[in-house]
Amino acid sequence: GTSFDVVYFDPMFRHPVQGSKAMEALRPLSLEEPLAKQTV
């Protein structure tokens, strides 16, 4: 029964930012799975 006013998703890691060293280092640490409609 826990509720929130809004739930937010940012699945942006599916689209790497080319040339961004910060993102290149961060990307391998993240869980790369597309957002499922069932999760929404």
PDB file of all heavy atoms in Angstrom:
ATOM      1  N   GLY A   1       0.776  -1.235   0.000  1.00  0.00           N
ATOM      2  CA  GLY A   1       0.000   0.000   0.000  1.00  0.00           C
ATOM      3  C   GLY A   1       0.807   1.284   0.000  1.00  0.00           C
ATOM      4  O   GLY A   1       0.242   2.371   0.178  1.00  0.00           O
ATOM      5  N   THR A   2       2.126   1.191  -0.206  1.00  0.00           N
ATOM      6  CA  THR A   2       2.951   2.396  -0.290  1.00  0.00           C
ATOM      7  C   THR A   2       2.647   3.137  -1.583  1.00  0.00           C
ATOM      8  O   THR A   2       2.599   2.529  -2.657  1.00  0.00           O
ATOM      9  CB  THR A   2       4.445   2.034  -0.251  1.00  0.00           C
ATOM     10  OG1 THR A   2       4.725   1.311   0.942  1.00  0.00           O
ATOM     11  CG2 THR A   2       5.314   3.281  -0.304  1.00  0.00           C
ATOM     12  N   SER A   3       2.430   4.442  -1.493  1.00  0.00           N
ATOM     13  CA  SER A   3       2.083   5.217  -2.690  1.00  0.00           C
ATOM     14  C   SER A   3       2.962   6.450  -2.817  1.00  0.00           C
ATOM     15  O   SER A   3       3.558   6.920  -1.844  1.00  0.00           O
ATOM     16  CB  SER A   3       0.607   5.634  -2.646  1.00  0.00           C
ATOM     17  OG  SER A   3       0.369   6.487  -1.537  1.00  0.00           O
ATOM     18  N   PHE A   4       3.049   6.953  -4.037  1.00  0.00           N
ATOM     19  CA  PHE A   4       3.787   8.175  -4.344  1.00  0.00           C
ATOM     20  C   PHE A   4       2.899   9.060  -5.213  1.00  0.00           C
ATOM     21  O   PHE A   4       1.896   8.594  -5.774  1.00  0.00           O
ATOM     22  CB  PHE A   4       5.081   7.841  -5.087  1.00  0.00           C
ATOM     23  CG  PHE A   4       6.109   7.125  -4.243  1.00  0.00           C
ATOM     24  CD1 PHE A   4       6.090   5.745  -4.115  1.00  0.00           C
ATOM     25  CD2 PHE A   4       7.098   7.833  -3.586  1.00  0.00           C
ATOM     26  CE1 PHE A   4       7.024   5.078  -3.343  1.00  0.00           C
ATOM     27  CE2 PHE A   4       8.043   7.180  -2.814  1.00  0.00           C
ATOM     28  CZ  PHE A   4       8.010   5.803  -2.686  1.00  0.00           C
ATOM     29  N   ASP A   5       3.275  10.313  -5.334  1.00  0.00           N
ATOM     30  CA  ASP A   5       2.538  11.221  -6.220  1.00  0.00           C
ATOM     31  C   ASP A   5       2.954  11.023  -7.671  1.00  0.00           C
ATOM     32  O   ASP A   5       2.146  11.223  -8.592  1.00  0.00           O
ATOM     33  CB  ASP A   5       2.787  12.682  -5.809  1.00  0.00           C
ATOM     34  CG  ASP A   5       2.283  12.973  -4.416  1.00  0.00           C
ATOM     35  OD1 ASP A   5       1.138  12.590  -4.104  1.00  0.00           O
ATOM     36  OD2 ASP A   5       3.039  13.576  -3.627  1.00  0.00           O
ATOM     37  N   VAL A   6       4.204  10.626  -7.871  1.00  0.00           N
ATOM     38  CA  VAL A   6       4.709  10.442  -9.229  1.00  0.00           C
ATOM     39  C   VAL A   6       5.850   9.431  -9.214  1.00  0.00           C
ATOM     40  O   VAL A   6       6.631   9.376  -8.266  1.00  0.00           O
ATOM     41  CB  VAL A   6       5.179  11.787  -9.839  1.00  0.00           C
ATOM     42  CG1 VAL A   6       6.302  12.404  -9.010  1.00  0.00           C
ATOM     43  CG2 VAL A   6       5.596  11.639 -11.293  1.00  0.00           C
ATOM     44  N   VAL A   7       5.914   8.616 -10.263  1.00  0.00           N
ATOM     45  CA  VAL A   7       7.018   7.679 -10.472  1.00  0.00           C
ATOM     46  C   VAL A   7       7.748   8.098 -11.741  1.00  0.00           C
ATOM     47  O   VAL A   7       7.127   8.387 -12.771  1.00  0.00           O
ATOM     48  CB  VAL A   7       6.524   6.227 -10.602  1.00  0.00           C
ATOM     49  CG1 VAL A   7       7.685   5.294 -10.953  1.00  0.00           C
ATOM     50  CG2 VAL A   7       5.859   5.760  -9.306  1.00  0.00           C
ATOM     51  N   TYR A   8       9.076   8.116 -11.679  1.00  0.00           N
ATOM     52  CA  TYR A   8       9.896   8.646 -12.775  1.00  0.00           C
ATOM     53  C   TYR A   8      10.876   7.586 -13.274  1.00  0.00           C
ATOM     54  O   TYR A   8      11.489   6.868 -12.482  1.00  0.00           O
ATOM     55  CB  TYR A   8      10.660   9.873 -12.261  1.00  0.00           C
ATOM     56  CG  TYR A   8      11.675  10.453 -13.212  1.00  0.00           C
ATOM     57  CD1 TYR A   8      11.302  10.928 -14.473  1.00  0.00           C
ATOM     58  CD2 TYR A   8      13.019  10.558 -12.843  1.00  0.00           C
ATOM     59  CE1 TYR A   8      12.237  11.475 -15.332  1.00  0.00           C
ATOM     60  CE2 TYR A   8      13.957  11.104 -13.693  1.00  0.00           C
ATOM     61  CZ  TYR A   8      13.567  11.562 -14.941  1.00  0.00           C
ATOM     62  OH  TYR A   8      14.484  12.099 -15.793  1.00  0.00           O
ATOM     63  N   PHE A   9      11.010   7.506 -14.593  1.00  0.00           N
ATOM     64  CA  PHE A   9      11.976   6.608 -15.232  1.00  0.00           C
ATOM     65  C   PHE A   9      12.855   7.404 -16.195  1.00  0.00           C
ATOM     66  O   PHE A   9      12.346   8.200 -16.989  1.00  0.00           O
ATOM     67  CB  PHE A   9      11.265   5.520 -16.044  1.00  0.00           C
ATOM     68  CG  PHE A   9      10.414   4.575 -15.256  1.00  0.00           C
ATOM     69  CD1 PHE A   9       9.046   4.803 -15.116  1.00  0.00           C
ATOM     70  CD2 PHE A   9      10.963   3.451 -14.663  1.00  0.00           C
ATOM     71  CE1 PHE A   9       8.252   3.928 -14.400  1.00  0.00           C
ATOM     72  CE2 PHE A   9      10.172   2.563 -13.946  1.00  0.00           C
ATOM     73  CZ  PHE A   9       8.813   2.802 -13.812  1.00  0.00           C
ATOM     74  N   ASP A  10      14.145   7.156 -16.137  1.00  0.00           N
ATOM     75  CA  ASP A  10      15.076   7.731 -17.105  1.00  0.00           C
ATOM     76  C   ASP A  10      15.931   6.603 -17.669  1.00  0.00           C
ATOM     77  O   ASP A  10      17.027   6.329 -17.173  1.00  0.00           O
ATOM     78  CB  ASP A  10      15.959   8.788 -16.429  1.00  0.00           C
ATOM     79  CG  ASP A  10      17.026   9.331 -17.375  1.00  0.00           C
ATOM     80  OD1 ASP A  10      16.981   9.019 -18.580  1.00  0.00           O
ATOM     81  OD2 ASP A  10      17.913  10.073 -16.910  1.00  0.00           O
ATOM     82  N   PRO A  11      15.438   5.901 -18.707  1.00  0.00           N
ATOM     83  CA  PRO A  11      16.191   4.784 -19.293  1.00  0.00           C
ATOM     84  C   PRO A  11      17.187   5.241 -20.347  1.00  0.00           C
ATOM     85  O   PRO A  11      17.376   4.597 -21.374  1.00  0.00           O
ATOM     86  CB  PRO A  11      15.084   3.932 -19.916  1.00  0.00           C
ATOM     87  CG  PRO A  11      14.044   4.932 -20.328  1.00  0.00           C
ATOM     88  CD  PRO A  11      14.124   6.064 -19.328  1.00  0.00           C
ATOM     89  N   MET A  12      17.855   6.365 -20.099  1.00  0.00           N
ATOM     90  CA  MET A  12      18.685   6.994 -21.119  1.00  0.00           C
ATOM     91  C   MET A  12      19.947   6.226 -21.451  1.00  0.00           C
ATOM     92  O   MET A  12      20.563   6.474 -22.478  1.00  0.00           O
ATOM     93  CB  MET A  12      19.072   8.411 -20.670  1.00  0.00           C
ATOM     94  CG  MET A  12      17.896   9.366 -20.620  1.00  0.00           C
ATOM     95  SD  MET A  12      17.222   9.705 -22.262  1.00  0.00           S
ATOM     96  CE  MET A  12      18.508  10.745 -22.926  1.00  0.00           C
ATOM     97  N   PHE A  13      20.387   5.282 -20.606  1.00  0.00           N
ATOM     98  CA  PHE A  13      21.611   4.560 -20.895  1.00  0.00           C
ATOM     99  C   PHE A  13      21.506   3.703 -22.146  1.00  0.00           C
ATOM    100  O   PHE A  13      22.492   3.200 -22.647  1.00  0.00           O
ATOM    101  CB  PHE A  13      22.004   3.688 -19.707  1.00  0.00           C
ATOM    102  CG  PHE A  13      22.643   4.456 -18.601  1.00  0.00           C
ATOM    103  CD1 PHE A  13      22.061   4.497 -17.346  1.00  0.00           C
ATOM    104  CD2 PHE A  13      23.819   5.143 -18.812  1.00  0.00           C
ATOM    105  CE1 PHE A  13      22.651   5.207 -16.323  1.00  0.00           C
ATOM    106  CE2 PHE A  13      24.408   5.860 -17.789  1.00  0.00           C
ATOM    107  CZ  PHE A  13      23.828   5.892 -16.544  1.00  0.00           C
ATOM    108  N   ARG A  14      20.311   3.521 -22.673  1.00  0.00           N
ATOM    109  CA  ARG A  14      20.164   2.775 -23.926  1.00  0.00           C
ATOM    110  C   ARG A  14      20.799   3.526 -25.087  1.00  0.00           C
ATOM    111  O   ARG A  14      21.107   2.957 -26.119  1.00  0.00           O
ATOM    112  CB  ARG A  14      18.685   2.531 -24.228  1.00  0.00           C
ATOM    113  CG  ARG A  14      18.056   1.472 -23.353  1.00  0.00           C
ATOM    114  CD  ARG A  14      16.708   1.105 -23.893  1.00  0.00           C
ATOM    115  NE  ARG A  14      15.776   2.213 -23.840  1.00  0.00           N
ATOM    116  CZ  ARG A  14      14.671   2.290 -24.562  1.00  0.00           C
ATOM    117  NH1 ARG A  14      14.379   1.353 -25.432  1.00  0.00           N
ATOM    118  NH2 ARG A  14      13.856   3.314 -24.441  1.00  0.00           N
ATOM    119  N   HIS A  15      20.969   4.832 -24.920  1.00  0.00           N
ATOM    120  CA  HIS A  15      21.502   5.678 -25.992  1.00  0.00           C
ATOM    121  C   HIS A  15      22.754   6.382 -25.477  1.00  0.00           C
ATOM    122  O   HIS A  15      22.651   7.452 -24.895  1.00  0.00           O
ATOM    123  CB  HIS A  15      20.461   6.701 -26.440  1.00  0.00           C
ATOM    124  CG  HIS A  15      19.153   6.071 -26.821  1.00  0.00           C
ATOM    125  ND1 HIS A  15      18.956   5.453 -28.025  1.00  0.00           N
ATOM    126  CD2 HIS A  15      17.988   5.946 -26.141  1.00  0.00           C
ATOM    127  CE1 HIS A  15      17.710   4.987 -28.085  1.00  0.00           C
ATOM    128  NE2 HIS A  15      17.117   5.269 -26.951  1.00  0.00           N
ATOM    129  N   PRO A  16      23.940   5.792 -25.638  1.00  0.00           N
ATOM    130  CA  PRO A  16      25.157   6.391 -25.110  1.00  0.00           C
ATOM    131  C   PRO A  16      25.404   7.788 -25.650  1.00  0.00           C
ATOM    132  O   PRO A  16      25.084   8.090 -26.794  1.00  0.00           O
ATOM    133  CB  PRO A  16      26.263   5.429 -25.579  1.00  0.00           C
ATOM    134  CG  PRO A  16      25.561   4.156 -25.920  1.00  0.00           C
ATOM    135  CD  PRO A  16      24.194   4.550 -26.378  1.00  0.00           C
ATOM    136  N   VAL A  17      25.975   8.634 -24.788  1.00  0.00           N
ATOM    137  CA  VAL A  17      26.385   9.961 -25.222  1.00  0.00           C
ATOM    138  C   VAL A  17      27.808   9.848 -25.736  1.00  0.00           C
ATOM    139  O   VAL A  17      28.755   9.684 -24.966  1.00  0.00           O
ATOM    140  CB  VAL A  17      26.316  10.972 -24.046  1.00  0.00           C
ATOM    141  CG1 VAL A  17      26.762  12.351 -24.516  1.00  0.00           C
ATOM    142  CG2 VAL A  17      24.899  11.021 -23.490  1.00  0.00           C
ATOM    143  N   GLN A  18      27.961   9.892 -27.042  1.00  0.00           N
ATOM    144  CA  GLN A  18      29.268   9.690 -27.635  1.00  0.00           C
ATOM    145  C   GLN A  18      30.215  10.822 -27.230  1.00  0.00           C
ATOM    146  O   GLN A  18      29.864  11.995 -27.260  1.00  0.00           O
ATOM    147  CB  GLN A  18      29.153   9.639 -29.162  1.00  0.00           C
ATOM    148  CG  GLN A  18      28.270   8.497 -29.662  1.00  0.00           C
ATOM    149  CD  GLN A  18      28.814   7.132 -29.283  1.00  0.00           C
ATOM    150  OE1 GLN A  18      30.017   6.947 -29.202  1.00  0.00           O
ATOM    151  NE2 GLN A  18      27.922   6.176 -29.049  1.00  0.00           N
ATOM    152  N   GLY A  19      31.428  10.417 -26.832  1.00  0.00           N
ATOM    153  CA  GLY A  19      32.432  11.415 -26.498  1.00  0.00           C
ATOM    154  C   GLY A  19      32.380  11.881 -25.064  1.00  0.00           C
ATOM    155  O   GLY A  19      33.209  12.674 -24.644  1.00  0.00           O
ATOM    156  N   SER A  20      31.417  11.403 -24.280  1.00  0.00           N
ATOM    157  CA  SER A  20      31.321  11.795 -22.884  1.00  0.00           C
ATOM    158  C   SER A  20      32.115  10.809 -22.030  1.00  0.00           C
ATOM    159  O   SER A  20      31.696   9.680 -21.824  1.00  0.00           O
ATOM    160  CB  SER A  20      29.856  11.830 -22.425  1.00  0.00           C
ATOM    161  OG  SER A  20      29.787  11.996 -21.024  1.00  0.00           O
ATOM    162  N   LYS A  21      33.285  11.227 -21.524  1.00  0.00           N
ATOM    163  CA  LYS A  21      34.124  10.334 -20.733  1.00  0.00           C
ATOM    164  C   LYS A  21      33.430   9.930 -19.442  1.00  0.00           C
ATOM    165  O   LYS A  21      33.574   8.798 -18.974  1.00  0.00           O
ATOM    166  CB  LYS A  21      35.460  11.018 -20.428  1.00  0.00           C
ATOM    167  CG  LYS A  21      36.355  11.181 -21.657  1.00  0.00           C
ATOM    168  CD  LYS A  21      37.700  11.750 -21.279  1.00  0.00           C
ATOM    169  CE  LYS A  21      38.603  11.857 -22.505  1.00  0.00           C
ATOM    170  NZ  LYS A  21      39.934  12.416 -22.147  1.00  0.00           N
ATOM    171  N   ALA A  22      32.665  10.869 -18.858  1.00  0.00           N
ATOM    172  CA  ALA A  22      31.956  10.556 -17.618  1.00  0.00           C
ATOM    173  C   ALA A  22      30.945   9.445 -17.849  1.00  0.00           C
ATOM    174  O   ALA A  22      30.824   8.507 -17.054  1.00  0.00           O
ATOM    175  CB  ALA A  22      31.261  11.805 -17.089  1.00  0.00           C
ATOM    176  N   MET A  23      30.214   9.511 -18.967  1.00  0.00           N
ATOM    177  CA  MET A  23      29.209   8.495 -19.263  1.00  0.00           C
ATOM    178  C   MET A  23      29.855   7.171 -19.652  1.00  0.00           C
ATOM    179  O   MET A  23      29.336   6.105 -19.348  1.00  0.00           O
ATOM    180  CB  MET A  23      28.289   8.985 -20.378  1.00  0.00           C
ATOM    181  CG  MET A  23      27.342  10.101 -19.978  1.00  0.00           C
ATOM    182  SD  MET A  23      26.196   9.619 -18.652  1.00  0.00           S
ATOM    183  CE  MET A  23      26.942  10.405 -17.214  1.00  0.00           C
ATOM    184  N   GLU A  24      31.006   7.240 -20.322  1.00  0.00           N
ATOM    185  CA  GLU A  24      31.705   6.017 -20.708  1.00  0.00           C
ATOM    186  C   GLU A  24      32.147   5.236 -19.475  1.00  0.00           C
ATOM    187  O   GLU A  24      32.111   4.011 -19.461  1.00  0.00           O
ATOM    188  CB  GLU A  24      32.914   6.361 -21.580  1.00  0.00           C
ATOM    189  CG  GLU A  24      32.540   6.822 -22.986  1.00  0.00           C
ATOM    190  CD  GLU A  24      33.733   7.341 -23.765  1.00  0.00           C
ATOM    191  OE1 GLU A  24      34.860   7.235 -23.237  1.00  0.00           O
ATOM    192  OE2 GLU A  24      33.549   7.863 -24.876  1.00  0.00           O
ATOM    193  N   ALA A  25      32.557   5.947 -18.421  1.00  0.00           N
ATOM    194  CA  ALA A  25      32.970   5.290 -17.190  1.00  0.00           C
ATOM    195  C   ALA A  25      31.777   4.800 -16.394  1.00  0.00           C
ATOM    196  O   ALA A  25      31.837   3.769 -15.728  1.00  0.00           O
ATOM    197  CB  ALA A  25      33.806   6.257 -16.344  1.00  0.00           C
ATOM    198  N   LEU A  26      30.671   5.536 -16.475  1.00  0.00           N
ATOM    199  CA  LEU A  26      29.486   5.209 -15.687  1.00  0.00           C
ATOM    200  C   LEU A  26      28.659   4.094 -16.313  1.00  0.00           C
ATOM    201  O   LEU A  26      28.096   3.247 -15.603  1.00  0.00           O
ATOM    202  CB  LEU A  26      28.620   6.470 -15.546  1.00  0.00           C
ATOM    203  CG  LEU A  26      27.384   6.386 -14.650  1.00  0.00           C
ATOM    204  CD1 LEU A  26      27.777   6.009 -13.235  1.00  0.00           C
ATOM    205  CD2 LEU A  26      26.657   7.722 -14.660  1.00  0.00           C
ATOM    206  N   ARG A  27      28.608   4.052 -17.620  1.00  0.00           N
ATOM    207  CA  ARG A  27      27.744   3.110 -18.322  1.00  0.00           C
ATOM    208  C   ARG A  27      27.979   1.651 -17.928  1.00  0.00           C
ATOM    209  O   ARG A  27      27.012   0.921 -17.661  1.00  0.00           O
ATOM    210  CB  ARG A  27      27.910   3.304 -19.831  1.00  0.00           C
ATOM    211  CG  ARG A  27      26.992   2.424 -20.680  1.00  0.00           C
ATOM    212  CD  ARG A  27      27.190   2.733 -22.165  1.00  0.00           C
ATOM    213  NE  ARG A  27      26.420   1.810 -22.990  1.00  0.00           N
ATOM    214  CZ  ARG A  27      25.142   1.988 -23.314  1.00  0.00           C
ATOM    215  NH1 ARG A  27      24.492   3.031 -22.855  1.00  0.00           N
ATOM    216  NH2 ARG A  27      24.501   1.111 -24.062  1.00  0.00           N
ATOM    217  N   PRO A  28      29.224   1.165 -17.851  1.00  0.00           N
ATOM    218  CA  PRO A  28      29.418  -0.246 -17.494  1.00  0.00           C
ATOM    219  C   PRO A  28      28.968  -0.579 -16.073  1.00  0.00           C
ATOM    220  O   PRO A  28      28.744  -1.747 -15.755  1.00  0.00           O
ATOM    221  CB  PRO A  28      30.937  -0.436 -17.632  1.00  0.00           C
ATOM    222  CG  PRO A  28      31.382   0.665 -18.532  1.00  0.00           C
ATOM    223  CD  PRO A  28      30.496   1.817 -18.196  1.00  0.00           C
ATOM    224  N   LEU A  29      28.842   0.434 -15.200  1.00  0.00           N
ATOM    225  CA  LEU A  29      28.424   0.185 -13.828  1.00  0.00           C
ATOM    226  C   LEU A  29      26.911   0.057 -13.703  1.00  0.00           C
ATOM    227  O   LEU A  29      26.400  -0.418 -12.691  1.00  0.00           O
ATOM    228  CB  LEU A  29      28.894   1.340 -12.922  1.00  0.00           C
ATOM    229  CG  LEU A  29      30.394   1.623 -12.902  1.00  0.00           C
ATOM    230  CD1 LEU A  29      30.679   2.809 -11.994  1.00  0.00           C
ATOM    231  CD2 LEU A  29      31.167   0.397 -12.440  1.00  0.00           C
ATOM    232  N   SER A  30      26.192   0.491 -14.725  1.00  0.00           N
ATOM    233  CA  SER A  30      24.734   0.531 -14.651  1.00  0.00           C
ATOM    234  C   SER A  30      24.123  -0.777 -15.144  1.00  0.00           C
ATOM    235  O   SER A  30      24.741  -1.543 -15.876  1.00  0.00           O
ATOM    236  CB  SER A  30      24.193   1.690 -15.491  1.00  0.00           C
ATOM    237  OG  SER A  30      24.445   1.456 -16.863  1.00  0.00           O
ATOM    238  N   LEU A  31      22.870  -1.008 -14.727  1.00  0.00           N
ATOM    239  CA  LEU A  31      22.123  -2.166 -15.200  1.00  0.00           C
ATOM    240  C   LEU A  31      21.452  -1.786 -16.510  1.00  0.00           C
ATOM    241  O   LEU A  31      20.536  -0.978 -16.535  1.00  0.00           O
ATOM    242  CB  LEU A  31      21.068  -2.582 -14.162  1.00  0.00           C
ATOM    243  CG  LEU A  31      20.205  -3.793 -14.541  1.00  0.00           C
ATOM    244  CD1 LEU A  31      21.065  -5.043 -14.650  1.00  0.00           C
ATOM    245  CD2 LEU A  31      19.100  -4.008 -13.518  1.00  0.00           C
ATOM    246  N   GLU A  32      21.934  -2.380 -17.609  1.00  0.00           N
ATOM    247  CA  GLU A  32      21.432  -2.009 -18.926  1.00  0.00           C
ATOM    248  C   GLU A  32      20.292  -2.925 -19.353  1.00  0.00           C
ATOM    249  O   GLU A  32      20.513  -3.948 -19.985  1.00  0.00           O
ATOM    250  CB  GLU A  32      22.565  -2.049 -19.950  1.00  0.00           C
ATOM    251  CG  GLU A  32      23.638  -0.997 -19.716  1.00  0.00           C
ATOM    252  CD  GLU A  32      24.619  -0.950 -20.860  1.00  0.00           C
ATOM    253  OE1 GLU A  32      24.352  -0.245 -21.840  1.00  0.00           O
ATOM    254  OE2 GLU A  32      25.651  -1.634 -20.770  1.00  0.00           O
ATOM    255  N   GLU A  33      19.093  -2.556 -18.978  1.00  0.00           N
ATOM    256  CA  GLU A  33      17.903  -3.280 -19.410  1.00  0.00           C
ATOM    257  C   GLU A  33      16.863  -2.267 -19.862  1.00  0.00           C
ATOM    258  O   GLU A  33      16.647  -1.255 -19.200  1.00  0.00           O
ATOM    259  CB  GLU A  33      17.337  -4.124 -18.257  1.00  0.00           C
ATOM    260  CG  GLU A  33      18.182  -5.323 -17.892  1.00  0.00           C
ATOM    261  CD  GLU A  33      17.511  -6.190 -16.841  1.00  0.00           C
ATOM    262  OE1 GLU A  33      16.400  -5.833 -16.390  1.00  0.00           O
ATOM    263  OE2 GLU A  33      18.102  -7.217 -16.458  1.00  0.00           O
ATOM    264  N   PRO A  34      16.216  -2.507 -21.004  1.00  0.00           N
ATOM    265  CA  PRO A  34      15.189  -1.571 -21.465  1.00  0.00           C
ATOM    266  C   PRO A  34      14.009  -1.546 -20.498  1.00  0.00           C
ATOM    267  O   PRO A  34      13.731  -2.533 -19.805  1.00  0.00           O
ATOM    268  CB  PRO A  34      14.784  -2.133 -22.831  1.00  0.00           C
ATOM    269  CG  PRO A  34      15.179  -3.575 -22.787  1.00  0.00           C
ATOM    270  CD  PRO A  34      16.403  -3.647 -21.924  1.00  0.00           C
ATOM    271  N   LEU A  35      13.350  -0.424 -20.432  1.00  0.00           N
ATOM    272  CA  LEU A  35      12.179  -0.274 -19.566  1.00  0.00           C
ATOM    273  C   LEU A  35      11.028  -1.104 -20.125  1.00  0.00           C
ATOM    274  O   LEU A  35      10.592  -0.907 -21.257  1.00  0.00           O
ATOM    275  CB  LEU A  35      11.788   1.205 -19.487  1.00  0.00           C
ATOM    276  CG  LEU A  35      10.528   1.539 -18.696  1.00  0.00           C
ATOM    277  CD1 LEU A  35      10.658   1.091 -17.245  1.00  0.00           C
ATOM    278  CD2 LEU A  35      10.244   3.044 -18.776  1.00  0.00           C
ATOM    279  N   ALA A  36      10.527  -2.035 -19.320  1.00  0.00           N
ATOM    280  CA  ALA A  36       9.438  -2.911 -19.749  1.00  0.00           C
ATOM    281  C   ALA A  36       8.091  -2.232 -19.525  1.00  0.00           C
ATOM    282  O   ALA A  36       7.903  -1.507 -18.548  1.00  0.00           O
ATOM    283  CB  ALA A  36       9.482  -4.230 -18.976  1.00  0.00           C
ATOM    284  N   LYS A  37       7.157  -2.478 -20.428  1.00  0.00           N
ATOM    285  CA  LYS A  37       5.817  -1.903 -20.288  1.00  0.00           C
ATOM    286  C   LYS A  37       5.140  -2.398 -19.010  1.00  0.00           C
ATOM    287  O   LYS A  37       4.358  -1.674 -18.393  1.00  0.00           O
ATOM    288  CB  LYS A  37       4.970  -2.255 -21.513  1.00  0.00           C
ATOM    289  CG  LYS A  37       5.417  -1.558 -22.791  1.00  0.00           C
ATOM    290  CD  LYS A  37       4.501  -1.885 -23.959  1.00  0.00           C
ATOM    291  CE  LYS A  37       4.951  -1.169 -25.227  1.00  0.00           C
ATOM    292  NZ  LYS A  37       4.079  -1.479 -26.390  1.00  0.00           N
ATOM    293  N   GLN A  38       5.456  -3.633 -18.616  1.00  0.00           N
ATOM    294  CA  GLN A  38       4.876  -4.174 -17.387  1.00  0.00           C
ATOM    295  C   GLN A  38       5.329  -3.379 -16.171  1.00  0.00           C
ATOM    296  O   GLN A  38       4.567  -3.210 -15.210  1.00  0.00           O
ATOM    297  CB  GLN A  38       5.268  -5.649 -17.221  1.00  0.00           C
ATOM    298  CG  GLN A  38       4.670  -6.578 -18.270  1.00  0.00           C
ATOM    299  CD  GLN A  38       5.579  -6.717 -19.493  1.00  0.00           C
ATOM    300  OE1 GLN A  38       6.394  -5.833 -19.771  1.00  0.00           O
ATOM    301  NE2 GLN A  38       5.443  -7.824 -20.198  1.00  0.00           N
ATOM    302  N   THR A  39       6.575  -2.879 -16.212  1.00  0.00           N
ATOM    303  CA  THR A  39       7.078  -2.072 -15.101  1.00  0.00           C
ATOM    304  C   THR A  39       6.339  -0.746 -15.034  1.00  0.00           C
ATOM    305  O   THR A  39       6.023  -0.238 -13.948  1.00  0.00           O
ATOM    306  CB  THR A  39       8.589  -1.835 -15.257  1.00  0.00           C
ATOM    307  OG1 THR A  39       9.260  -3.102 -15.371  1.00  0.00           O
ATOM    308  CG2 THR A  39       9.154  -1.085 -14.066  1.00  0.00           C
ATOM    309  N   VAL A  40       6.039  -0.173 -16.193  1.00  0.00           N
ATOM    310  CA  VAL A  40       5.265   1.075 -16.238  1.00  0.00           C
ATOM    311  C   VAL A  40       3.868   0.838 -15.674  1.00  0.00           C
ATOM    312  O   VAL A  40       3.331   1.670 -14.925  1.00  0.00           O
ATOM    313  CB  VAL A  40       5.188   1.607 -17.680  1.00  0.00           C
ATOM    314  CG1 VAL A  40       4.292   2.841 -17.744  1.00  0.00           C
ATOM    315  CG2 VAL A  40       6.588   1.944 -18.201  1.00  0.00           C
TER     316      VAL A  40
END
